[in-house]
Amino acid sequence: MVVTDIIINEIMYQPIEGNEYIEIYNRSTHPIDFEGWQINEWEIPSIILNPEDYLVLCKDYQDLIAYYGNISGEVKELNTITLKNTGDTIRLISKDGFIFDEVIYEGDNTERGRSLERVNPDIPSDVQDNWGECLNDAGGTPGERN
């Protein structure tokens, strides 16, 4: 798999507190319009993401902010999002059906309350050693560099 301009960068699939989220990173030099894009079957709210910015998709904005505090990246509610604790495949799909990124995770990839983070945004998603458990005390870094 090649590394595209837009990547899945962090996944919180089994939080203790807060809520599940998926973080997307624009690693390109141009803005990306997410109108019509999807994460699996969930439609991403329309937003233009600037270069080197993060988009955090979560179930409940207030809950996410209450747990992590102020988040510098863009945060959008996607209240239909449900991530499996046992493992799943997450696909980032453009409006024309192109799969920009795909991450397969197993339920035992992280300890409960810790997100699964991409180590290097320039390495493809299918390289298992490029993913690891978040070491931050909060258990995740939504909207921030991993």
N, C-alpha and C. Protein backbone atom coordinates (compact mmCIF):
# COMPACT_ATOMS: atom_id res chain seq x y z
N MET A 1 0.85 -1.18 0.00
CA MET A 1 0.00 0.00 0.00
C MET A 1 0.89 1.25 0.00
N VAL A 2 0.52 2.24 -0.77
CA VAL A 2 1.27 3.49 -0.82
C VAL A 2 0.72 4.45 0.23
N VAL A 3 1.51 5.44 0.59
CA VAL A 3 1.06 6.45 1.53
C VAL A 3 0.46 7.61 0.72
N THR A 4 -0.80 7.88 0.95
CA THR A 4 -1.49 8.96 0.24
C THR A 4 -1.40 10.26 1.02
N ASP A 5 -2.00 11.33 0.47
CA ASP A 5 -1.98 12.64 1.13
C ASP A 5 -2.77 12.64 2.43
N ILE A 6 -3.81 11.84 2.50
CA ILE A 6 -4.69 11.79 3.66
C ILE A 6 -4.58 10.41 4.29
N ILE A 7 -4.31 10.38 5.61
CA ILE A 7 -4.09 9.09 6.28
C ILE A 7 -4.87 9.00 7.59
N ILE A 8 -5.16 7.79 7.98
CA ILE A 8 -5.67 7.51 9.32
C ILE A 8 -4.45 7.51 10.23
N ASN A 9 -4.49 8.30 11.30
CA ASN A 9 -3.31 8.52 12.11
C ASN A 9 -3.42 7.98 13.54
N GLU A 10 -4.64 7.86 14.04
CA GLU A 10 -4.83 7.40 15.42
C GLU A 10 -6.24 6.83 15.57
N ILE A 11 -6.35 5.76 16.36
CA ILE A 11 -7.64 5.10 16.56
C ILE A 11 -7.81 4.81 18.05
N MET A 12 -8.87 5.33 18.65
CA MET A 12 -9.22 4.98 20.03
C MET A 12 -10.45 4.10 19.94
N TYR A 13 -10.24 2.79 20.09
CA TYR A 13 -11.35 1.85 19.90
C TYR A 13 -11.85 1.24 21.20
N GLN A 14 -11.13 1.40 22.32
CA GLN A 14 -11.63 0.86 23.58
C GLN A 14 -11.28 1.80 24.74
N PRO A 15 -11.92 2.96 24.77
CA PRO A 15 -11.63 3.93 25.83
C PRO A 15 -12.16 3.47 27.19
N ILE A 16 -11.52 3.95 28.24
CA ILE A 16 -12.05 3.76 29.59
C ILE A 16 -13.02 4.90 29.86
N GLU A 17 -12.57 6.12 29.55
CA GLU A 17 -13.40 7.30 29.64
C GLU A 17 -13.32 8.03 28.32
N GLY A 18 -14.12 9.07 28.15
CA GLY A 18 -14.14 9.76 26.87
C GLY A 18 -14.93 8.93 25.89
N ASN A 19 -14.56 8.97 24.64
CA ASN A 19 -15.29 8.16 23.67
C ASN A 19 -14.38 7.76 22.53
N GLU A 20 -14.87 6.84 21.73
CA GLU A 20 -14.10 6.35 20.59
C GLU A 20 -13.87 7.50 19.60
N TYR A 21 -12.72 7.43 18.93
CA TYR A 21 -12.46 8.41 17.89
C TYR A 21 -11.49 7.85 16.86
N ILE A 22 -11.52 8.48 15.70
CA ILE A 22 -10.57 8.21 14.62
C ILE A 22 -9.97 9.55 14.24
N GLU A 23 -8.65 9.60 14.15
CA GLU A 23 -7.97 10.84 13.76
C GLU A 23 -7.42 10.68 12.34
N ILE A 24 -7.66 11.69 11.53
CA ILE A 24 -7.19 11.73 10.15
C ILE A 24 -6.19 12.88 10.05
N TYR A 25 -5.13 12.68 9.27
CA TYR A 25 -4.08 13.69 9.10
C TYR A 25 -3.91 14.03 7.62
N ASN A 26 -3.86 15.33 7.32
CA ASN A 26 -3.59 15.81 5.97
C ASN A 26 -2.09 16.04 5.87
N ARG A 27 -1.37 15.11 5.28
CA ARG A 27 0.09 15.21 5.17
C ARG A 27 0.51 15.90 3.87
N SER A 28 -0.44 16.47 3.16
CA SER A 28 -0.15 17.11 1.88
C SER A 28 0.19 18.59 2.04
N THR A 29 0.39 19.25 0.91
CA THR A 29 0.66 20.70 0.90
C THR A 29 -0.54 21.49 0.41
N HIS A 30 -1.69 20.84 0.31
CA HIS A 30 -2.90 21.53 -0.16
C HIS A 30 -4.12 21.12 0.68
N PRO A 31 -5.12 22.01 0.75
CA PRO A 31 -6.34 21.68 1.50
C PRO A 31 -7.09 20.53 0.84
N ILE A 32 -7.78 19.75 1.67
CA ILE A 32 -8.59 18.63 1.18
C ILE A 32 -10.04 18.86 1.60
N ASP A 33 -10.94 18.78 0.63
CA ASP A 33 -12.38 18.92 0.88
C ASP A 33 -12.97 17.53 1.12
N PHE A 34 -13.52 17.32 2.31
CA PHE A 34 -14.06 16.01 2.68
C PHE A 34 -15.53 15.82 2.32
N GLU A 35 -16.10 16.70 1.56
CA GLU A 35 -17.51 16.53 1.18
C GLU A 35 -17.68 15.20 0.45
N GLY A 36 -18.58 14.36 0.95
CA GLY A 36 -18.88 13.07 0.32
C GLY A 36 -17.94 11.94 0.71
N TRP A 37 -16.95 12.18 1.56
CA TRP A 37 -16.02 11.14 1.99
C TRP A 37 -16.65 10.29 3.10
N GLN A 38 -16.08 9.10 3.29
CA GLN A 38 -16.58 8.19 4.32
C GLN A 38 -15.43 7.51 5.07
N ILE A 39 -15.74 7.13 6.31
CA ILE A 39 -14.94 6.16 7.07
C ILE A 39 -15.84 4.94 7.12
N ASN A 40 -15.44 3.87 6.45
CA ASN A 40 -16.31 2.69 6.27
C ASN A 40 -17.66 3.17 5.75
N GLU A 41 -18.73 2.86 6.44
CA GLU A 41 -20.06 3.27 5.96
C GLU A 41 -20.52 4.60 6.54
N TRP A 42 -19.69 5.24 7.36
CA TRP A 42 -20.08 6.49 8.02
C TRP A 42 -19.62 7.69 7.22
N GLU A 43 -20.56 8.57 6.89
CA GLU A 43 -20.23 9.75 6.11
C GLU A 43 -19.53 10.79 6.99
N ILE A 44 -18.40 11.29 6.51
CA ILE A 44 -17.64 12.32 7.23
C ILE A 44 -18.34 13.66 7.03
N PRO A 45 -18.55 14.42 8.11
CA PRO A 45 -19.15 15.75 7.94
C PRO A 45 -18.31 16.61 6.99
N SER A 46 -18.96 17.44 6.21
CA SER A 46 -18.28 18.28 5.24
C SER A 46 -17.33 19.25 5.95
N ILE A 47 -16.07 19.24 5.53
CA ILE A 47 -15.05 20.11 6.11
C ILE A 47 -13.89 20.20 5.13
N ILE A 48 -13.21 21.32 5.15
CA ILE A 48 -11.96 21.46 4.38
C ILE A 48 -10.83 21.40 5.40
N LEU A 49 -9.94 20.44 5.21
CA LEU A 49 -8.82 20.23 6.13
C LEU A 49 -7.55 20.78 5.51
N ASN A 50 -6.95 21.72 6.19
CA ASN A 50 -5.73 22.37 5.69
C ASN A 50 -4.52 21.46 5.79
N PRO A 51 -3.45 21.78 5.05
CA PRO A 51 -2.23 20.97 5.10
C PRO A 51 -1.70 20.84 6.52
N GLU A 52 -1.24 19.65 6.85
CA GLU A 52 -0.65 19.31 8.14
C GLU A 52 -1.60 19.51 9.32
N ASP A 53 -2.90 19.50 9.06
CA ASP A 53 -3.90 19.58 10.12
C ASP A 53 -4.51 18.21 10.37
N TYR A 54 -5.13 18.09 11.54
CA TYR A 54 -5.77 16.85 11.97
C TYR A 54 -7.28 17.02 12.03
N LEU A 55 -8.00 15.97 11.72
CA LEU A 55 -9.45 15.90 11.86
C LEU A 55 -9.75 14.74 12.78
N VAL A 56 -10.45 15.02 13.87
CA VAL A 56 -10.83 13.99 14.83
C VAL A 56 -12.33 13.75 14.68
N LEU A 57 -12.70 12.51 14.40
CA LEU A 57 -14.10 12.12 14.29
C LEU A 57 -14.46 11.34 15.55
N CYS A 58 -15.46 11.81 16.27
CA CYS A 58 -15.83 11.18 17.54
C CYS A 58 -17.34 11.10 17.67
N LYS A 59 -17.79 10.32 18.65
CA LYS A 59 -19.23 10.20 18.91
C LYS A 59 -19.80 11.46 19.54
N ASP A 60 -19.08 12.01 20.53
CA ASP A 60 -19.62 13.12 21.31
C ASP A 60 -18.52 14.15 21.57
N TYR A 61 -18.65 15.32 20.96
CA TYR A 61 -17.65 16.37 21.07
C TYR A 61 -17.42 16.78 22.52
N GLN A 62 -18.50 17.05 23.25
CA GLN A 62 -18.38 17.51 24.64
C GLN A 62 -17.68 16.48 25.51
N ASP A 63 -17.99 15.23 25.30
CA ASP A 63 -17.36 14.14 26.06
C ASP A 63 -15.86 14.07 25.76
N LEU A 64 -15.50 14.23 24.50
CA LEU A 64 -14.09 14.19 24.10
C LEU A 64 -13.32 15.35 24.74
N ILE A 65 -13.87 16.56 24.68
CA ILE A 65 -13.24 17.74 25.26
C ILE A 65 -13.16 17.62 26.78
N ALA A 66 -14.19 17.08 27.40
CA ALA A 66 -14.18 16.92 28.86
C ALA A 66 -13.04 16.02 29.31
N TYR A 67 -12.72 15.02 28.50
CA TYR A 67 -11.66 14.09 28.89
C TYR A 67 -10.26 14.58 28.49
N TYR A 68 -10.11 15.06 27.26
CA TYR A 68 -8.78 15.43 26.75
C TYR A 68 -8.47 16.92 26.87
N GLY A 69 -9.45 17.75 27.17
CA GLY A 69 -9.23 19.18 27.21
C GLY A 69 -9.29 19.77 25.81
N ASN A 70 -8.75 20.95 25.65
CA ASN A 70 -8.78 21.63 24.36
C ASN A 70 -8.01 20.82 23.31
N ILE A 71 -8.60 20.66 22.14
CA ILE A 71 -7.98 19.92 21.05
C ILE A 71 -7.71 20.90 19.92
N SER A 72 -6.45 20.95 19.48
CA SER A 72 -6.07 21.95 18.49
C SER A 72 -6.53 21.61 17.07
N GLY A 73 -6.74 20.34 16.77
CA GLY A 73 -7.21 19.95 15.45
C GLY A 73 -8.71 20.17 15.31
N GLU A 74 -9.21 19.93 14.12
CA GLU A 74 -10.65 20.00 13.87
C GLU A 74 -11.32 18.79 14.51
N VAL A 75 -12.46 18.99 15.14
CA VAL A 75 -13.22 17.89 15.74
C VAL A 75 -14.63 17.93 15.17
N LYS A 76 -15.08 16.79 14.68
CA LYS A 76 -16.45 16.68 14.16
C LYS A 76 -17.11 15.46 14.78
N GLU A 77 -18.37 15.62 15.11
CA GLU A 77 -19.13 14.49 15.64
C GLU A 77 -19.56 13.58 14.50
N LEU A 78 -19.42 12.31 14.76
CA LEU A 78 -19.87 11.27 13.85
C LEU A 78 -20.55 10.26 14.77
N ASN A 79 -21.77 10.65 15.23
CA ASN A 79 -22.40 9.90 16.32
C ASN A 79 -22.81 8.48 15.95
N THR A 80 -22.63 8.08 14.72
CA THR A 80 -22.93 6.69 14.33
C THR A 80 -21.70 5.79 14.43
N ILE A 81 -20.55 6.38 14.71
CA ILE A 81 -19.31 5.62 14.73
C ILE A 81 -19.32 4.59 15.87
N THR A 82 -18.94 3.38 15.54
CA THR A 82 -18.82 2.30 16.51
C THR A 82 -17.63 1.45 16.10
N LEU A 83 -16.62 1.40 16.96
CA LEU A 83 -15.42 0.62 16.68
C LEU A 83 -15.43 -0.64 17.52
N LYS A 84 -15.06 -1.74 16.91
CA LYS A 84 -15.06 -3.02 17.60
C LYS A 84 -13.82 -3.17 18.47
N ASN A 85 -14.01 -3.58 19.71
CA ASN A 85 -12.88 -3.78 20.62
C ASN A 85 -12.07 -5.02 20.25
N THR A 86 -12.65 -5.93 19.51
CA THR A 86 -11.98 -7.17 19.16
C THR A 86 -11.12 -7.06 17.91
N GLY A 87 -11.25 -5.94 17.18
CA GLY A 87 -10.49 -5.73 15.96
C GLY A 87 -11.41 -5.40 14.80
N ASP A 88 -10.85 -4.72 13.81
CA ASP A 88 -11.68 -4.29 12.69
C ASP A 88 -10.78 -3.75 11.57
N THR A 89 -11.39 -3.45 10.45
CA THR A 89 -10.73 -2.77 9.35
C THR A 89 -11.39 -1.41 9.19
N ILE A 90 -10.57 -0.37 9.12
CA ILE A 90 -11.09 0.99 8.94
C ILE A 90 -10.57 1.50 7.60
N ARG A 91 -11.50 1.95 6.77
CA ARG A 91 -11.14 2.46 5.45
C ARG A 91 -11.56 3.91 5.32
N LEU A 92 -10.67 4.74 4.78
CA LEU A 92 -10.94 6.13 4.47
C LEU A 92 -11.19 6.20 2.97
N ILE A 93 -12.43 6.56 2.59
CA ILE A 93 -12.88 6.45 1.20
C ILE A 93 -13.31 7.82 0.68
N SER A 94 -12.76 8.21 -0.47
CA SER A 94 -13.12 9.50 -1.08
C SER A 94 -14.51 9.42 -1.71
N LYS A 95 -15.05 10.57 -2.12
CA LYS A 95 -16.40 10.60 -2.69
C LYS A 95 -16.50 9.82 -3.99
N ASP A 96 -15.37 9.60 -4.68
CA ASP A 96 -15.41 8.80 -5.91
C ASP A 96 -15.09 7.32 -5.67
N GLY A 97 -15.03 6.92 -4.38
CA GLY A 97 -14.86 5.50 -4.05
C GLY A 97 -13.42 5.02 -3.92
N PHE A 98 -12.45 5.92 -4.04
CA PHE A 98 -11.04 5.54 -3.90
C PHE A 98 -10.70 5.35 -2.43
N ILE A 99 -10.06 4.24 -2.09
CA ILE A 99 -9.65 3.99 -0.71
C ILE A 99 -8.31 4.70 -0.49
N PHE A 100 -8.33 5.80 0.25
CA PHE A 100 -7.13 6.57 0.53
C PHE A 100 -6.26 5.91 1.58
N ASP A 101 -6.86 5.27 2.54
CA ASP A 101 -6.09 4.59 3.57
C ASP A 101 -6.94 3.47 4.16
N GLU A 102 -6.23 2.45 4.68
CA GLU A 102 -6.90 1.31 5.30
C GLU A 102 -6.02 0.83 6.45
N VAL A 103 -6.64 0.67 7.61
CA VAL A 103 -5.94 0.18 8.79
C VAL A 103 -6.69 -1.02 9.33
N ILE A 104 -5.95 -2.09 9.56
CA ILE A 104 -6.52 -3.28 10.19
C ILE A 104 -5.92 -3.37 11.58
N TYR A 105 -6.78 -3.41 12.60
CA TYR A 105 -6.27 -3.53 13.97
C TYR A 105 -6.87 -4.75 14.65
N GLU A 106 -6.14 -5.26 15.60
CA GLU A 106 -6.58 -6.39 16.43
C GLU A 106 -6.93 -5.85 17.81
N GLY A 107 -7.83 -6.48 18.49
CA GLY A 107 -8.25 -6.03 19.81
C GLY A 107 -7.15 -6.02 20.85
N ASP A 108 -6.12 -6.82 20.64
CA ASP A 108 -5.04 -6.86 21.62
C ASP A 108 -3.87 -5.95 21.23
N ASN A 109 -4.07 -5.04 20.25
CA ASN A 109 -3.00 -4.10 19.85
C ASN A 109 -2.68 -3.08 20.94
N THR A 110 -3.66 -2.77 21.79
CA THR A 110 -3.44 -1.78 22.84
C THR A 110 -4.14 -2.21 24.13
N GLU A 111 -3.68 -1.62 25.21
CA GLU A 111 -4.33 -1.77 26.51
C GLU A 111 -5.59 -0.92 26.49
N ARG A 112 -6.61 -1.34 27.20
CA ARG A 112 -7.83 -0.55 27.26
C ARG A 112 -7.51 0.86 27.77
N GLY A 113 -8.09 1.87 27.11
CA GLY A 113 -7.84 3.26 27.47
C GLY A 113 -6.65 3.88 26.77
N ARG A 114 -6.03 3.14 25.85
CA ARG A 114 -4.88 3.64 25.10
C ARG A 114 -5.20 3.56 23.61
N SER A 115 -4.91 4.63 22.88
CA SER A 115 -5.17 4.63 21.45
C SER A 115 -4.07 3.88 20.70
N LEU A 116 -4.39 3.52 19.48
CA LEU A 116 -3.43 2.93 18.56
C LEU A 116 -2.95 4.07 17.66
N GLU A 117 -1.65 4.35 17.69
CA GLU A 117 -1.11 5.50 16.97
C GLU A 117 -0.15 5.08 15.87
N ARG A 118 -0.20 5.83 14.79
CA ARG A 118 0.76 5.66 13.70
C ARG A 118 2.07 6.31 14.14
N VAL A 119 3.16 5.60 14.00
CA VAL A 119 4.47 6.10 14.43
C VAL A 119 5.00 7.13 13.44
N ASN A 120 4.96 6.83 12.16
CA ASN A 120 5.51 7.71 11.13
C ASN A 120 4.48 7.88 10.02
N PRO A 121 4.03 9.12 9.75
CA PRO A 121 3.00 9.33 8.72
C PRO A 121 3.48 9.06 7.30
N ASP A 122 4.78 8.85 7.12
CA ASP A 122 5.33 8.61 5.79
C ASP A 122 5.50 7.12 5.47
N ILE A 123 5.11 6.27 6.40
CA ILE A 123 5.22 4.82 6.21
C ILE A 123 3.80 4.26 6.02
N PRO A 124 3.60 3.34 5.09
CA PRO A 124 2.27 2.80 4.81
C PRO A 124 1.57 2.18 6.03
N SER A 125 0.25 2.20 5.98
CA SER A 125 -0.58 1.68 7.07
C SER A 125 -0.44 0.19 7.30
N ASP A 126 -0.08 -0.56 6.25
CA ASP A 126 -0.02 -2.00 6.41
C ASP A 126 1.30 -2.50 7.00
N VAL A 127 2.20 -1.58 7.38
CA VAL A 127 3.43 -1.97 8.07
C VAL A 127 3.13 -2.01 9.56
N GLN A 128 3.01 -3.20 10.12
CA GLN A 128 2.58 -3.37 11.51
C GLN A 128 3.48 -2.65 12.51
N ASP A 129 4.79 -2.62 12.25
CA ASP A 129 5.72 -1.96 13.17
C ASP A 129 5.56 -0.44 13.18
N ASN A 130 4.76 0.10 12.28
CA ASN A 130 4.51 1.53 12.23
C ASN A 130 3.33 1.94 13.10
N TRP A 131 2.79 1.02 13.87
CA TRP A 131 1.66 1.29 14.76
C TRP A 131 2.05 0.88 16.17
N GLY A 132 1.63 1.68 17.14
CA GLY A 132 1.92 1.34 18.53
C GLY A 132 0.93 1.97 19.48
N GLU A 133 0.97 1.50 20.68
CA GLU A 133 0.10 2.01 21.74
C GLU A 133 0.56 3.41 22.15
N CYS A 134 -0.39 4.32 22.36
CA CYS A 134 -0.08 5.68 22.78
C CYS A 134 0.59 5.64 24.16
N LEU A 135 1.68 6.38 24.30
CA LEU A 135 2.42 6.43 25.56
C LEU A 135 2.07 7.66 26.39
N ASN A 136 1.28 8.58 25.82
CA ASN A 136 0.87 9.78 26.54
C ASN A 136 0.05 9.40 27.77
N ASP A 137 0.21 10.15 28.85
CA ASP A 137 -0.51 9.86 30.10
C ASP A 137 -2.03 9.84 29.93
N ALA A 138 -2.54 10.65 29.00
CA ALA A 138 -3.99 10.70 28.75
C ALA A 138 -4.49 9.48 27.99
N GLY A 139 -3.58 8.69 27.41
CA GLY A 139 -3.98 7.51 26.66
C GLY A 139 -4.23 7.75 25.19
N GLY A 140 -4.26 9.02 24.79
CA GLY A 140 -4.48 9.37 23.40
C GLY A 140 -4.05 10.80 23.15
N THR A 141 -3.85 11.13 21.89
CA THR A 141 -3.45 12.49 21.52
C THR A 141 -4.31 13.02 20.37
N PRO A 142 -5.63 13.05 20.54
CA PRO A 142 -6.48 13.49 19.43
C PRO A 142 -6.17 14.94 19.02
N GLY A 143 -5.98 15.14 17.72
CA GLY A 143 -5.71 16.47 17.20
C GLY A 143 -4.28 16.93 17.36
N GLU A 144 -3.41 16.07 17.84
CA GLU A 144 -2.01 16.42 18.08
C GLU A 144 -1.10 15.42 17.40
N ARG A 145 0.15 15.83 17.22
CA ARG A 145 1.15 14.92 16.66
C ARG A 145 1.36 13.74 17.62
N ASN A 146 1.47 12.55 17.07
CA ASN A 146 1.68 11.35 17.89
C ASN A 146 3.07 11.34 18.48
